[in-house]
Amino acid sequence: MGFKLKPSYVIDNTPIYRVNDENGVVGRATKSGVILINKNVKDPKLEKQVICHEKVHIDQMKKGLISYDNNYMYHRKSSNQPFKKIKRSKKADGNPNHWWEKQAYNKCKYK
C-alpha cells in the first residue's frame, strides 16, 4: 500500500473582487465561492480581516453548514441536522451573535 504526500505549499484560488456595495457592508461571501470586498476598503489590515472572515463563510458553505437565498439564511451546526432558517434583514445579516459569525470573528482576530 502506498502513501500520500501533502504538498508543502498552499494554493488558494478564491476569486476576490472589489465592488460598489451598500454602506456598512465591507465584504460578502457568495454561494459560488467568490469574495466581494467593498471598493472603499483601503486599509490593508481591514482588507486582510475581511478576506479571512469571508473565507470562513465559504468553508461553512462548502461543508453544508450555512446557505442563503433572497429571503432566508439557513444554518445548522452539523451536516446531519436539519437546517434552521432566519428571515433576512439588515439586523439579521452579518449579526455577530449568530454562531457562524462568531466563528469567523474568532478565527480572524478582530479587535
N, C-alpha and C. Protein backbone atom coordinates (compact mmCIF):
# COMPACT_ATOMS: atom_id res chain seq x y z
N MET A 1 0.85 -1.17 0.00
CA MET A 1 0.00 0.00 0.00
C MET A 1 0.90 1.24 0.00
N GLY A 2 0.56 2.20 -0.82
CA GLY A 2 1.34 3.43 -0.94
C GLY A 2 0.96 4.45 0.11
N PHE A 3 1.58 5.58 0.02
CA PHE A 3 1.27 6.67 0.93
C PHE A 3 1.06 7.94 0.12
N LYS A 4 0.39 8.89 0.73
CA LYS A 4 0.09 10.15 0.05
C LYS A 4 0.98 11.25 0.61
N LEU A 5 1.56 12.00 -0.26
CA LEU A 5 2.36 13.15 0.13
C LEU A 5 1.50 14.40 0.05
N LYS A 6 1.60 15.23 1.06
CA LYS A 6 0.91 16.51 1.01
C LYS A 6 1.92 17.55 0.54
N PRO A 7 1.49 18.44 -0.34
CA PRO A 7 2.43 19.46 -0.80
C PRO A 7 2.82 20.39 0.35
N SER A 8 4.01 20.97 0.26
CA SER A 8 4.50 21.86 1.31
C SER A 8 4.00 23.29 1.10
N TYR A 9 3.14 23.49 0.14
CA TYR A 9 2.61 24.81 -0.18
C TYR A 9 1.09 24.76 -0.19
N VAL A 10 0.48 25.92 -0.11
CA VAL A 10 -0.97 26.03 -0.13
C VAL A 10 -1.37 26.86 -1.34
N ILE A 11 -2.31 26.35 -2.10
CA ILE A 11 -2.84 27.10 -3.24
C ILE A 11 -4.24 27.56 -2.85
N ASP A 12 -4.43 28.86 -2.89
CA ASP A 12 -5.74 29.44 -2.61
C ASP A 12 -6.18 30.20 -3.84
N ASN A 13 -7.14 29.66 -4.54
CA ASN A 13 -7.61 30.31 -5.76
C ASN A 13 -9.00 30.92 -5.59
N THR A 14 -9.29 31.41 -4.39
CA THR A 14 -10.57 32.05 -4.13
C THR A 14 -10.61 33.39 -4.87
N PRO A 15 -11.55 33.56 -5.81
CA PRO A 15 -11.64 34.85 -6.51
C PRO A 15 -12.09 35.96 -5.56
N ILE A 16 -11.42 37.11 -5.66
CA ILE A 16 -11.75 38.27 -4.83
C ILE A 16 -11.95 39.46 -5.76
N TYR A 17 -13.11 40.10 -5.64
CA TYR A 17 -13.43 41.25 -6.49
C TYR A 17 -13.79 42.44 -5.62
N ARG A 18 -13.41 43.62 -6.08
CA ARG A 18 -13.80 44.88 -5.42
C ARG A 18 -15.04 45.40 -6.13
N VAL A 19 -16.05 45.74 -5.33
CA VAL A 19 -17.34 46.15 -5.89
C VAL A 19 -17.91 47.35 -5.13
N ASN A 20 -18.84 48.04 -5.76
CA ASN A 20 -19.65 49.03 -5.05
C ASN A 20 -20.63 48.24 -4.21
N ASP A 21 -20.74 48.57 -2.95
CA ASP A 21 -21.69 47.87 -2.09
C ASP A 21 -22.38 48.89 -1.21
N GLU A 22 -23.46 48.47 -0.58
CA GLU A 22 -24.20 49.40 0.26
C GLU A 22 -23.37 49.82 1.46
N ASN A 23 -23.70 50.96 2.01
CA ASN A 23 -22.96 51.50 3.15
C ASN A 23 -22.94 50.52 4.31
N GLY A 24 -21.80 50.38 4.93
CA GLY A 24 -21.67 49.50 6.08
C GLY A 24 -21.29 48.08 5.74
N VAL A 25 -21.42 47.67 4.48
CA VAL A 25 -21.06 46.32 4.07
C VAL A 25 -19.63 46.35 3.53
N VAL A 26 -18.71 45.68 4.22
CA VAL A 26 -17.33 45.68 3.77
C VAL A 26 -16.97 44.44 2.97
N GLY A 27 -17.72 43.35 3.14
CA GLY A 27 -17.43 42.14 2.39
C GLY A 27 -18.59 41.18 2.38
N ARG A 28 -18.57 40.30 1.38
CA ARG A 28 -19.59 39.25 1.23
C ARG A 28 -18.93 37.99 0.69
N ALA A 29 -19.47 36.85 1.10
CA ALA A 29 -19.08 35.57 0.51
C ALA A 29 -20.28 35.06 -0.27
N THR A 30 -20.07 34.73 -1.53
CA THR A 30 -21.18 34.25 -2.35
C THR A 30 -21.22 32.72 -2.34
N LYS A 31 -22.36 32.18 -2.71
CA LYS A 31 -22.51 30.72 -2.75
C LYS A 31 -21.62 30.10 -3.82
N SER A 32 -21.17 30.90 -4.78
CA SER A 32 -20.29 30.38 -5.83
C SER A 32 -18.82 30.41 -5.41
N GLY A 33 -18.54 30.82 -4.16
CA GLY A 33 -17.18 30.79 -3.65
C GLY A 33 -16.36 32.03 -3.95
N VAL A 34 -17.03 33.13 -4.28
CA VAL A 34 -16.36 34.39 -4.59
C VAL A 34 -16.46 35.32 -3.39
N ILE A 35 -15.40 36.06 -3.13
CA ILE A 35 -15.41 37.08 -2.09
C ILE A 35 -15.54 38.44 -2.75
N LEU A 36 -16.52 39.22 -2.29
CA LEU A 36 -16.72 40.58 -2.78
C LEU A 36 -16.33 41.54 -1.66
N ILE A 37 -15.40 42.46 -1.96
CA ILE A 37 -14.97 43.45 -0.98
C ILE A 37 -15.39 44.82 -1.47
N ASN A 38 -15.94 45.61 -0.56
CA ASN A 38 -16.34 46.98 -0.88
C ASN A 38 -15.12 47.74 -1.38
N LYS A 39 -15.27 48.40 -2.52
CA LYS A 39 -14.13 49.10 -3.13
C LYS A 39 -13.62 50.25 -2.26
N ASN A 40 -14.40 50.68 -1.27
CA ASN A 40 -13.99 51.76 -0.38
C ASN A 40 -13.09 51.29 0.77
N VAL A 41 -12.87 49.98 0.88
CA VAL A 41 -11.96 49.46 1.91
C VAL A 41 -10.54 49.70 1.41
N LYS A 42 -9.84 50.60 2.09
CA LYS A 42 -8.48 50.97 1.69
C LYS A 42 -7.43 50.48 2.68
N ASP A 43 -7.81 50.25 3.93
CA ASP A 43 -6.88 49.83 4.97
C ASP A 43 -6.47 48.36 4.73
N PRO A 44 -5.17 48.10 4.53
CA PRO A 44 -4.72 46.72 4.27
C PRO A 44 -5.05 45.74 5.40
N LYS A 45 -5.00 46.21 6.65
CA LYS A 45 -5.32 45.34 7.78
C LYS A 45 -6.80 44.94 7.75
N LEU A 46 -7.68 45.91 7.48
CA LEU A 46 -9.11 45.61 7.38
C LEU A 46 -9.38 44.68 6.20
N GLU A 47 -8.72 44.92 5.09
CA GLU A 47 -8.92 44.07 3.91
C GLU A 47 -8.53 42.63 4.23
N LYS A 48 -7.42 42.44 4.93
CA LYS A 48 -6.98 41.10 5.31
C LYS A 48 -7.99 40.43 6.22
N GLN A 49 -8.55 41.18 7.18
CA GLN A 49 -9.56 40.63 8.09
C GLN A 49 -10.84 40.26 7.33
N VAL A 50 -11.25 41.11 6.39
CA VAL A 50 -12.46 40.83 5.61
C VAL A 50 -12.28 39.55 4.80
N ILE A 51 -11.13 39.40 4.16
CA ILE A 51 -10.88 38.20 3.36
C ILE A 51 -10.88 36.96 4.26
N CYS A 52 -10.22 37.04 5.39
CA CYS A 52 -10.20 35.92 6.34
C CYS A 52 -11.63 35.56 6.77
N HIS A 53 -12.40 36.58 7.16
CA HIS A 53 -13.78 36.39 7.63
C HIS A 53 -14.63 35.71 6.56
N GLU A 54 -14.56 36.22 5.34
CA GLU A 54 -15.40 35.67 4.27
C GLU A 54 -14.96 34.27 3.87
N LYS A 55 -13.66 33.96 3.99
CA LYS A 55 -13.20 32.60 3.70
C LYS A 55 -13.78 31.60 4.69
N VAL A 56 -13.97 32.04 5.94
CA VAL A 56 -14.62 31.16 6.93
C VAL A 56 -16.03 30.83 6.45
N HIS A 57 -16.76 31.84 5.96
CA HIS A 57 -18.12 31.59 5.48
C HIS A 57 -18.13 30.70 4.24
N ILE A 58 -17.17 30.87 3.36
CA ILE A 58 -17.09 30.00 2.18
C ILE A 58 -16.86 28.56 2.63
N ASP A 59 -15.97 28.34 3.59
CA ASP A 59 -15.75 26.99 4.12
C ASP A 59 -17.02 26.43 4.77
N GLN A 60 -17.75 27.28 5.50
CA GLN A 60 -19.00 26.84 6.12
C GLN A 60 -20.01 26.43 5.06
N MET A 61 -20.06 27.17 3.96
CA MET A 61 -20.99 26.81 2.87
C MET A 61 -20.55 25.52 2.19
N LYS A 62 -19.25 25.34 1.98
CA LYS A 62 -18.75 24.11 1.36
C LYS A 62 -19.07 22.89 2.21
N LYS A 63 -19.06 23.07 3.53
CA LYS A 63 -19.36 21.97 4.44
C LYS A 63 -20.87 21.75 4.61
N GLY A 64 -21.68 22.59 3.99
CA GLY A 64 -23.13 22.45 4.08
C GLY A 64 -23.71 22.93 5.40
N LEU A 65 -23.02 23.85 6.07
CA LEU A 65 -23.50 24.33 7.36
C LEU A 65 -24.32 25.61 7.26
N ILE A 66 -24.04 26.44 6.27
CA ILE A 66 -24.83 27.66 6.07
C ILE A 66 -25.16 27.81 4.59
N SER A 67 -26.24 28.52 4.34
CA SER A 67 -26.64 28.87 2.99
C SER A 67 -27.58 30.06 3.09
N TYR A 68 -28.00 30.57 1.97
CA TYR A 68 -28.92 31.71 1.98
C TYR A 68 -29.62 31.80 0.63
N ASP A 69 -30.73 32.52 0.64
CA ASP A 69 -31.39 32.93 -0.59
C ASP A 69 -31.84 34.37 -0.37
N ASN A 70 -32.69 34.89 -1.22
CA ASN A 70 -33.10 36.29 -1.07
C ASN A 70 -33.92 36.54 0.18
N ASN A 71 -34.57 35.51 0.72
CA ASN A 71 -35.49 35.70 1.85
C ASN A 71 -34.96 35.19 3.19
N TYR A 72 -34.16 34.13 3.18
CA TYR A 72 -33.76 33.49 4.43
C TYR A 72 -32.27 33.14 4.45
N MET A 73 -31.74 33.01 5.67
CA MET A 73 -30.43 32.42 5.92
C MET A 73 -30.71 31.06 6.55
N TYR A 74 -30.00 30.04 6.09
CA TYR A 74 -30.19 28.68 6.59
C TYR A 74 -28.92 28.26 7.30
N HIS A 75 -29.06 27.61 8.45
CA HIS A 75 -27.88 27.21 9.21
C HIS A 75 -28.12 25.94 9.98
N ARG A 76 -27.03 25.24 10.22
CA ARG A 76 -27.02 24.06 11.08
C ARG A 76 -25.58 23.84 11.52
N LYS A 77 -25.40 23.31 12.71
CA LYS A 77 -24.05 23.14 13.24
C LYS A 77 -23.41 21.84 12.79
N SER A 78 -24.21 20.93 12.25
CA SER A 78 -23.70 19.65 11.77
C SER A 78 -24.45 19.29 10.49
N SER A 79 -23.76 18.65 9.57
CA SER A 79 -24.40 18.31 8.29
C SER A 79 -25.45 17.21 8.41
N ASN A 80 -25.55 16.57 9.58
CA ASN A 80 -26.60 15.56 9.75
C ASN A 80 -27.82 16.10 10.50
N GLN A 81 -27.86 17.42 10.68
CA GLN A 81 -29.03 18.07 11.29
C GLN A 81 -29.84 18.77 10.21
N PRO A 82 -31.12 19.00 10.47
CA PRO A 82 -31.90 19.79 9.52
C PRO A 82 -31.53 21.27 9.63
N PHE A 83 -31.75 22.00 8.54
CA PHE A 83 -31.48 23.43 8.55
C PHE A 83 -32.52 24.17 9.39
N LYS A 84 -32.06 25.21 10.07
CA LYS A 84 -32.94 26.19 10.70
C LYS A 84 -32.89 27.40 9.79
N LYS A 85 -33.92 28.23 9.82
CA LYS A 85 -33.89 29.40 8.96
C LYS A 85 -34.19 30.67 9.73
N ILE A 86 -33.58 31.75 9.25
CA ILE A 86 -33.77 33.07 9.83
C ILE A 86 -34.14 34.02 8.70
N LYS A 87 -35.18 34.78 8.91
CA LYS A 87 -35.60 35.78 7.91
C LYS A 87 -34.49 36.80 7.72
N ARG A 88 -34.13 37.08 6.48
CA ARG A 88 -33.08 38.06 6.20
C ARG A 88 -33.57 39.47 6.43
N SER A 89 -32.71 40.28 7.02
CA SER A 89 -32.98 41.69 7.25
C SER A 89 -31.65 42.38 7.51
N LYS A 90 -31.64 43.70 7.53
CA LYS A 90 -30.39 44.42 7.82
C LYS A 90 -29.89 44.07 9.22
N LYS A 91 -30.83 43.82 10.13
CA LYS A 91 -30.45 43.49 11.51
C LYS A 91 -29.90 42.06 11.60
N ALA A 92 -30.44 41.14 10.82
CA ALA A 92 -30.05 39.73 10.91
C ALA A 92 -28.78 39.41 10.10
N ASP A 93 -28.65 40.00 8.92
CA ASP A 93 -27.49 39.71 8.06
C ASP A 93 -26.21 40.23 8.72
N GLY A 94 -25.24 39.35 8.91
CA GLY A 94 -23.97 39.76 9.50
C GLY A 94 -24.00 39.98 10.99
N ASN A 95 -25.08 39.60 11.64
CA ASN A 95 -25.21 39.81 13.09
C ASN A 95 -24.14 38.99 13.82
N PRO A 96 -23.26 39.65 14.60
CA PRO A 96 -22.17 38.92 15.26
C PRO A 96 -22.62 37.96 16.35
N ASN A 97 -23.91 37.92 16.68
CA ASN A 97 -24.41 36.98 17.67
C ASN A 97 -24.72 35.60 17.09
N HIS A 98 -24.78 35.47 15.76
CA HIS A 98 -25.01 34.16 15.15
C HIS A 98 -23.75 33.31 15.28
N TRP A 99 -23.92 32.02 15.49
CA TRP A 99 -22.77 31.15 15.72
C TRP A 99 -21.79 31.17 14.55
N TRP A 100 -22.28 31.25 13.31
CA TRP A 100 -21.38 31.23 12.15
C TRP A 100 -20.58 32.53 12.05
N GLU A 101 -21.16 33.63 12.50
CA GLU A 101 -20.42 34.89 12.53
C GLU A 101 -19.39 34.87 13.66
N LYS A 102 -19.75 34.30 14.81
CA LYS A 102 -18.80 34.20 15.91
C LYS A 102 -17.57 33.40 15.49
N GLN A 103 -17.77 32.30 14.75
CA GLN A 103 -16.65 31.51 14.26
C GLN A 103 -15.72 32.36 13.40
N ALA A 104 -16.30 33.15 12.51
CA ALA A 104 -15.49 33.97 11.61
C ALA A 104 -14.76 35.07 12.38
N TYR A 105 -15.45 35.74 13.30
CA TYR A 105 -14.80 36.80 14.08
C TYR A 105 -13.68 36.23 14.95
N ASN A 106 -13.92 35.08 15.57
CA ASN A 106 -12.91 34.48 16.44
C ASN A 106 -11.67 34.03 15.67
N LYS A 107 -11.88 33.48 14.49
CA LYS A 107 -10.74 32.99 13.70
C LYS A 107 -9.90 34.14 13.19
N CYS A 108 -10.52 35.27 12.90
CA CYS A 108 -9.82 36.36 12.22
C CYS A 108 -9.35 37.44 13.17
N LYS A 109 -9.44 37.23 14.45
CA LYS A 109 -8.85 38.12 15.47
C LYS A 109 -9.24 39.59 15.34
N TYR A 110 -10.52 39.86 15.32
CA TYR A 110 -10.99 41.25 15.26
C TYR A 110 -10.73 41.92 16.59
N LYS A 111 -10.38 43.20 16.53
CA LYS A 111 -10.15 43.97 17.76
C LYS A 111 -10.89 45.27 17.70
